[in-house]
Amino acid sequence: MSTTKGIDFSSLSLRDALDLAVLIEEEARDRYVEFAEQMEVHHTPEAARFFRFMSGNEEKHRAELAERREQLFGNEPSSVSATMIFDVEAPEYDEARVFMSAREALGAAMRSERKAHAFFVGALEVVQDADVRALFDELREEEVEHQQLVQVELDKLPPESGFATEDFADGPVAH
């Protein structure tokens, strides 16, 4: 699990597993917001709109997990922090392009959902606690549902023109 640091999945408690899941959703939400803002600056509204949609989905999922954590554990302290994860579900920073099409934005999201699915599959190989296993299995299945959601959106789009968006970007020029 190269995307985590200092987390012993074999002894992870349900409380900390929920906290970890909340942090993963927060990281993905924040990255999608960053990407949406970048696309808005570069006048790529279709990609920006999709990244805003994805940030909303991640926030909804984060809020559900946080509520569940609070119901079960109240204000009990967590032993996991955002410094222990990196890019578990969030799109890679180099996924954003100046002139991204909606299809390219959806492709970035699909890769992120597959990455999150692989993370939970890998974690399930070492998790011992039955409640944590059940949570991670649920999260793994939700990543499959998210992939299906992205695929539905991809299927709605017309085929790409065959030209790379970078082909239309102006390169630097001397003054």
C-alpha atoms as a PDB file:
ATOM      1  CA  MET A   1       0.000   0.000   0.000  1.00  0.00           C
ATOM      2  CA  SER A   2       2.213   2.763  -1.261  1.00  0.00           C
ATOM      3  CA  THR A   3      -0.510   5.393  -0.818  1.00  0.00           C
ATOM      4  CA  THR A   4      -0.512   5.176   2.961  1.00  0.00           C
ATOM      5  CA  LYS A   5       2.128   5.724   5.616  1.00  0.00           C
ATOM      6  CA  GLY A   6       2.094   4.429   9.170  1.00  0.00           C
ATOM      7  CA  ILE A   7      -1.262   2.632   8.989  1.00  0.00           C
ATOM      8  CA  ASP A   8      -1.289  -0.939  10.248  1.00  0.00           C
ATOM      9  CA  PHE A   9      -4.249  -2.390   8.390  1.00  0.00           C
ATOM     10  CA  SER A  10      -3.991  -5.692  10.243  1.00  0.00           C
ATOM     11  CA  SER A  11      -4.936  -3.991  13.527  1.00  0.00           C
ATOM     12  CA  LEU A  12      -7.068  -1.102  12.231  1.00  0.00           C
ATOM     13  CA  SER A  13     -10.097  -0.342  14.410  1.00  0.00           C
ATOM     14  CA  LEU A  14     -13.497   0.447  12.925  1.00  0.00           C
ATOM     15  CA  ARG A  15     -13.263   4.009  14.289  1.00  0.00           C
ATOM     16  CA  ASP A  16      -9.938   4.592  12.571  1.00  0.00           C
ATOM     17  CA  ALA A  17     -11.120   2.853   9.397  1.00  0.00           C
ATOM     18  CA  LEU A  18     -14.053   5.265   9.237  1.00  0.00           C
ATOM     19  CA  ASP A  19     -11.715   8.195   9.873  1.00  0.00           C
ATOM     20  CA  LEU A  20      -9.438   6.933   7.099  1.00  0.00           C
ATOM     21  CA  ALA A  21     -12.386   6.636   4.707  1.00  0.00           C
ATOM     22  CA  VAL A  22     -13.477  10.203   5.545  1.00  0.00           C
ATOM     23  CA  LEU A  23      -9.950  11.483   4.869  1.00  0.00           C
ATOM     24  CA  ILE A  24      -9.820   9.646   1.537  1.00  0.00           C
ATOM     25  CA  GLU A  25     -13.100  11.245   0.455  1.00  0.00           C
ATOM     26  CA  GLU A  26     -11.932  14.696   1.609  1.00  0.00           C
ATOM     27  CA  GLU A  27      -8.723  14.388  -0.372  1.00  0.00           C
ATOM     28  CA  ALA A  28     -10.618  13.367  -3.521  1.00  0.00           C
ATOM     29  CA  ARG A  29     -13.188  16.151  -3.035  1.00  0.00           C
ATOM     30  CA  ASP A  30     -10.480  18.768  -2.612  1.00  0.00           C
ATOM     31  CA  ARG A  31      -8.547  17.566  -5.677  1.00  0.00           C
ATOM     32  CA  TYR A  32     -11.672  17.691  -7.830  1.00  0.00           C
ATOM     33  CA  VAL A  33     -12.320  21.238  -6.611  1.00  0.00           C
ATOM     34  CA  GLU A  34      -8.746  22.181  -7.538  1.00  0.00           C
ATOM     35  CA  PHE A  35      -9.193  20.661 -10.994  1.00  0.00           C
ATOM     36  CA  ALA A  36     -12.540  22.420 -11.517  1.00  0.00           C
ATOM     37  CA  GLU A  37     -10.952  25.747 -10.633  1.00  0.00           C
ATOM     38  CA  GLN A  38      -8.088  25.077 -13.050  1.00  0.00           C
ATOM     39  CA  MET A  39     -10.501  24.219 -15.850  1.00  0.00           C
ATOM     40  CA  GLU A  40     -12.522  27.378 -15.171  1.00  0.00           C
ATOM     41  CA  VAL A  41      -9.363  29.497 -15.388  1.00  0.00           C
ATOM     42  CA  HIS A  42      -8.519  27.833 -18.718  1.00  0.00           C
ATOM     43  CA  HIS A  43     -12.060  28.269 -20.076  1.00  0.00           C
ATOM     44  CA  THR A  44     -12.804  24.565 -20.262  1.00  0.00           C
ATOM     45  CA  PRO A  45     -16.340  24.573 -18.835  1.00  0.00           C
ATOM     46  CA  GLU A  46     -17.335  20.984 -19.663  1.00  0.00           C
ATOM     47  CA  ALA A  47     -14.381  19.516 -17.767  1.00  0.00           C
ATOM     48  CA  ALA A  48     -14.890  22.026 -14.925  1.00  0.00           C
ATOM     49  CA  ARG A  49     -18.556  21.089 -14.673  1.00  0.00           C
ATOM     50  CA  PHE A  50     -17.733  17.389 -14.431  1.00  0.00           C
ATOM     51  CA  PHE A  51     -15.030  17.958 -11.811  1.00  0.00           C
ATOM     52  CA  ARG A  52     -17.538  19.982  -9.748  1.00  0.00           C
ATOM     53  CA  PHE A  53     -20.006  17.103 -10.103  1.00  0.00           C
ATOM     54  CA  MET A  54     -17.361  14.662  -8.852  1.00  0.00           C
ATOM     55  CA  SER A  55     -16.399  16.914  -5.936  1.00  0.00           C
ATOM     56  CA  GLY A  56     -20.067  16.962  -4.926  1.00  0.00           C
ATOM     57  CA  ASN A  57     -20.229  13.162  -5.046  1.00  0.00           C
ATOM     58  CA  GLU A  58     -17.100  12.848  -2.929  1.00  0.00           C
ATOM     59  CA  GLU A  59     -18.473  15.378  -0.405  1.00  0.00           C
ATOM     60  CA  LYS A  60     -21.764  13.495  -0.160  1.00  0.00           C
ATOM     61  CA  HIS A  61     -19.921  10.249   0.502  1.00  0.00           C
ATOM     62  CA  ARG A  62     -17.592  11.958   3.014  1.00  0.00           C
ATOM     63  CA  ALA A  63     -20.562  13.404   4.911  1.00  0.00           C
ATOM     64  CA  GLU A  64     -22.286  10.009   5.077  1.00  0.00           C
ATOM     65  CA  LEU A  65     -19.151   8.358   6.439  1.00  0.00           C
ATOM     66  CA  ALA A  66     -18.525  11.183   8.931  1.00  0.00           C
ATOM     67  CA  GLU A  67     -22.105  10.931  10.213  1.00  0.00           C
ATOM     68  CA  ARG A  68     -21.749   7.193  10.623  1.00  0.00           C
ATOM     69  CA  ARG A  69     -18.469   7.669  12.505  1.00  0.00           C
ATOM     70  CA  GLU A  70     -20.043  10.238  14.824  1.00  0.00           C
ATOM     71  CA  GLN A  71     -23.044   8.018  15.547  1.00  0.00           C
ATOM     72  CA  LEU A  72     -20.798   5.121  16.500  1.00  0.00           C
ATOM     73  CA  PHE A  73     -17.894   6.874  18.208  1.00  0.00           C
ATOM     74  CA  GLY A  74     -18.873  10.460  18.968  1.00  0.00           C
ATOM     75  CA  ASN A  75     -15.831  12.652  19.620  1.00  0.00           C
ATOM     76  CA  GLU A  76     -13.395   9.833  20.364  1.00  0.00           C
ATOM     77  CA  PRO A  77      -9.961  10.755  19.017  1.00  0.00           C
ATOM     78  CA  SER A  78      -8.596   9.286  15.818  1.00  0.00           C
ATOM     79  CA  SER A  79      -5.157   7.819  15.349  1.00  0.00           C
ATOM     80  CA  VAL A  80      -5.100   8.448  11.575  1.00  0.00           C
ATOM     81  CA  SER A  81      -4.460  11.775   9.878  1.00  0.00           C
ATOM     82  CA  ALA A  82      -4.344  13.240   6.392  1.00  0.00           C
ATOM     83  CA  THR A  83      -0.536  13.011   6.507  1.00  0.00           C
ATOM     84  CA  MET A  84      -0.913   9.216   6.386  1.00  0.00           C
ATOM     85  CA  ILE A  85      -2.563   9.127   2.953  1.00  0.00           C
ATOM     86  CA  PHE A  86      -1.778  10.453  -0.498  1.00  0.00           C
ATOM     87  CA  ASP A  87      -3.755  10.022  -3.696  1.00  0.00           C
ATOM     88  CA  VAL A  88      -5.747   7.020  -2.525  1.00  0.00           C
ATOM     89  CA  GLU A  89      -8.784   8.089  -4.551  1.00  0.00           C
ATOM     90  CA  ALA A  90      -7.877  11.606  -5.635  1.00  0.00           C
ATOM     91  CA  PRO A  91      -6.931  12.020  -9.285  1.00  0.00           C
ATOM     92  CA  GLU A  92      -3.209  12.328  -9.862  1.00  0.00           C
ATOM     93  CA  TYR A  93      -2.072  15.941 -10.069  1.00  0.00           C
ATOM     94  CA  ASP A  94      -0.715  15.422 -13.598  1.00  0.00           C
ATOM     95  CA  GLU A  95      -4.171  14.350 -14.822  1.00  0.00           C
ATOM     96  CA  ALA A  96      -5.269  17.981 -15.289  1.00  0.00           C
ATOM     97  CA  ARG A  97      -4.619  19.480 -18.726  1.00  0.00           C
ATOM     98  CA  VAL A  98      -5.084  23.039 -19.888  1.00  0.00           C
ATOM     99  CA  PHE A  99      -7.614  22.192 -22.598  1.00  0.00           C
ATOM    100  CA  MET A 100      -9.252  19.072 -21.183  1.00  0.00           C
ATOM    101  CA  SER A 101     -12.317  17.730 -22.885  1.00  0.00           C
ATOM    102  CA  ALA A 102     -15.191  16.307 -20.890  1.00  0.00           C
ATOM    103  CA  ARG A 103     -14.108  12.847 -22.058  1.00  0.00           C
ATOM    104  CA  GLU A 104     -10.593  13.433 -20.718  1.00  0.00           C
ATOM    105  CA  ALA A 105     -12.023  14.634 -17.389  1.00  0.00           C
ATOM    106  CA  LEU A 106     -14.189  11.520 -17.175  1.00  0.00           C
ATOM    107  CA  GLY A 107     -11.164   9.369 -17.988  1.00  0.00           C
ATOM    108  CA  ALA A 108      -9.262  10.950 -15.093  1.00  0.00           C
ATOM    109  CA  ALA A 109     -12.194  10.236 -12.783  1.00  0.00           C
ATOM    110  CA  MET A 110     -12.448   6.635 -13.984  1.00  0.00           C
ATOM    111  CA  ARG A 111      -8.753   6.046 -13.275  1.00  0.00           C
ATOM    112  CA  SER A 112      -9.261   7.492  -9.777  1.00  0.00           C
ATOM    113  CA  GLU A 113     -12.231   5.259  -9.044  1.00  0.00           C
ATOM    114  CA  ARG A 114     -10.285   2.210 -10.229  1.00  0.00           C
ATOM    115  CA  LYS A 115      -7.342   3.251  -8.059  1.00  0.00           C
ATOM    116  CA  ALA A 116      -9.633   3.546  -5.008  1.00  0.00           C
ATOM    117  CA  HIS A 117     -11.133   0.137  -5.758  1.00  0.00           C
ATOM    118  CA  ALA A 118      -7.649  -1.395  -5.919  1.00  0.00           C
ATOM    119  CA  PHE A 119      -6.773   0.280  -2.615  1.00  0.00           C
ATOM    120  CA  PHE A 120      -9.704  -1.342  -0.808  1.00  0.00           C
ATOM    121  CA  VAL A 121      -9.065  -4.711  -2.455  1.00  0.00           C
ATOM    122  CA  GLY A 122      -5.457  -4.533  -1.219  1.00  0.00           C
ATOM    123  CA  ALA A 123      -6.482  -3.438   2.253  1.00  0.00           C
ATOM    124  CA  LEU A 124      -8.953  -6.314   2.512  1.00  0.00           C
ATOM    125  CA  GLU A 125      -6.059  -8.735   2.083  1.00  0.00           C
ATOM    126  CA  VAL A 126      -4.600  -7.704   5.455  1.00  0.00           C
ATOM    127  CA  VAL A 127      -7.519  -6.335   7.502  1.00  0.00           C
ATOM    128  CA  GLN A 128      -8.326  -8.642  10.416  1.00  0.00           C
ATOM    129  CA  ASP A 129     -11.246  -6.963  12.208  1.00  0.00           C
ATOM    130  CA  ALA A 130     -14.616  -8.218  10.928  1.00  0.00           C
ATOM    131  CA  ASP A 131     -16.295  -4.794  11.174  1.00  0.00           C
ATOM    132  CA  VAL A 132     -13.430  -3.123   9.287  1.00  0.00           C
ATOM    133  CA  ARG A 133     -13.551  -5.865   6.648  1.00  0.00           C
ATOM    134  CA  ALA A 134     -17.296  -5.254   6.220  1.00  0.00           C
ATOM    135  CA  LEU A 135     -16.736  -1.480   5.890  1.00  0.00           C
ATOM    136  CA  PHE A 136     -13.893  -1.863   3.385  1.00  0.00           C
ATOM    137  CA  ASP A 137     -15.885  -4.407   1.403  1.00  0.00           C
ATOM    138  CA  GLU A 138     -18.756  -1.907   1.276  1.00  0.00           C
ATOM    139  CA  LEU A 139     -16.370   0.859   0.163  1.00  0.00           C
ATOM    140  CA  ARG A 140     -14.861  -1.443  -2.489  1.00  0.00           C
ATOM    141  CA  GLU A 141     -18.361  -2.067  -3.864  1.00  0.00           C
ATOM    142  CA  GLU A 142     -19.128   1.666  -3.833  1.00  0.00           C
ATOM    143  CA  GLU A 143     -16.057   2.256  -5.969  1.00  0.00           C
ATOM    144  CA  VAL A 144     -17.501  -0.180  -8.503  1.00  0.00           C
ATOM    145  CA  GLU A 145     -20.753   1.830  -8.438  1.00  0.00           C
ATOM    146  CA  HIS A 146     -18.768   5.039  -8.948  1.00  0.00           C
ATOM    147  CA  GLN A 147     -17.041   3.481 -11.947  1.00  0.00           C
ATOM    148  CA  GLN A 148     -20.441   2.618 -13.378  1.00  0.00           C
ATOM    149  CA  LEU A 149     -21.628   6.186 -12.794  1.00  0.00           C
ATOM    150  CA  VAL A 150     -18.605   7.566 -14.663  1.00  0.00           C
ATOM    151  CA  GLN A 151     -19.134   5.042 -17.463  1.00  0.00           C
ATOM    152  CA  VAL A 152     -22.758   6.163 -17.876  1.00  0.00           C
ATOM    153  CA  GLU A 153     -21.531   9.735 -18.278  1.00  0.00           C
ATOM    154  CA  LEU A 154     -18.838   8.624 -20.744  1.00  0.00           C
ATOM    155  CA  ASP A 155     -21.438   6.761 -22.787  1.00  0.00           C
ATOM    156  CA  LYS A 156     -23.486   9.967 -23.135  1.00  0.00           C
ATOM    157  CA  LEU A 157     -20.623  11.837 -24.807  1.00  0.00           C
ATOM    158  CA  PRO A 158     -20.051  11.970 -28.537  1.00  0.00           C
ATOM    159  CA  PRO A 159     -16.834  10.343 -29.755  1.00  0.00           C
ATOM    160  CA  GLU A 160     -13.687  12.443 -29.647  1.00  0.00           C
ATOM    161  CA  SER A 161     -12.733  14.179 -32.861  1.00  0.00           C
ATOM    162  CA  GLY A 162      -9.462  12.298 -33.135  1.00  0.00           C
ATOM    163  CA  PHE A 163      -7.458  15.448 -32.528  1.00  0.00           C
ATOM    164  CA  ALA A 164      -5.573  15.956 -29.275  1.00  0.00           C
ATOM    165  CA  THR A 165      -6.604  19.112 -27.448  1.00  0.00           C
ATOM    166  CA  GLU A 166      -2.917  19.969 -27.089  1.00  0.00           C
ATOM    167  CA  ASP A 167      -2.757  20.273 -30.896  1.00  0.00           C
ATOM    168  CA  PHE A 168      -4.821  23.436 -30.623  1.00  0.00           C
ATOM    169  CA  ALA A 169      -2.951  25.071 -27.759  1.00  0.00           C
ATOM    170  CA  ASP A 170      -0.735  27.963 -28.641  1.00  0.00           C
ATOM    171  CA  GLY A 171       2.860  27.416 -27.718  1.00  0.00           C
ATOM    172  CA  PRO A 172       5.066  30.076 -26.214  1.00  0.00           C
ATOM    173  CA  VAL A 173       6.067  32.821 -28.623  1.00  0.00           C
ATOM    174  CA  ALA A 174       8.846  35.384 -28.530  1.00  0.00           C
ATOM    175  CA  HIS A 175       7.885  39.040 -28.314  1.00  0.00           C
END
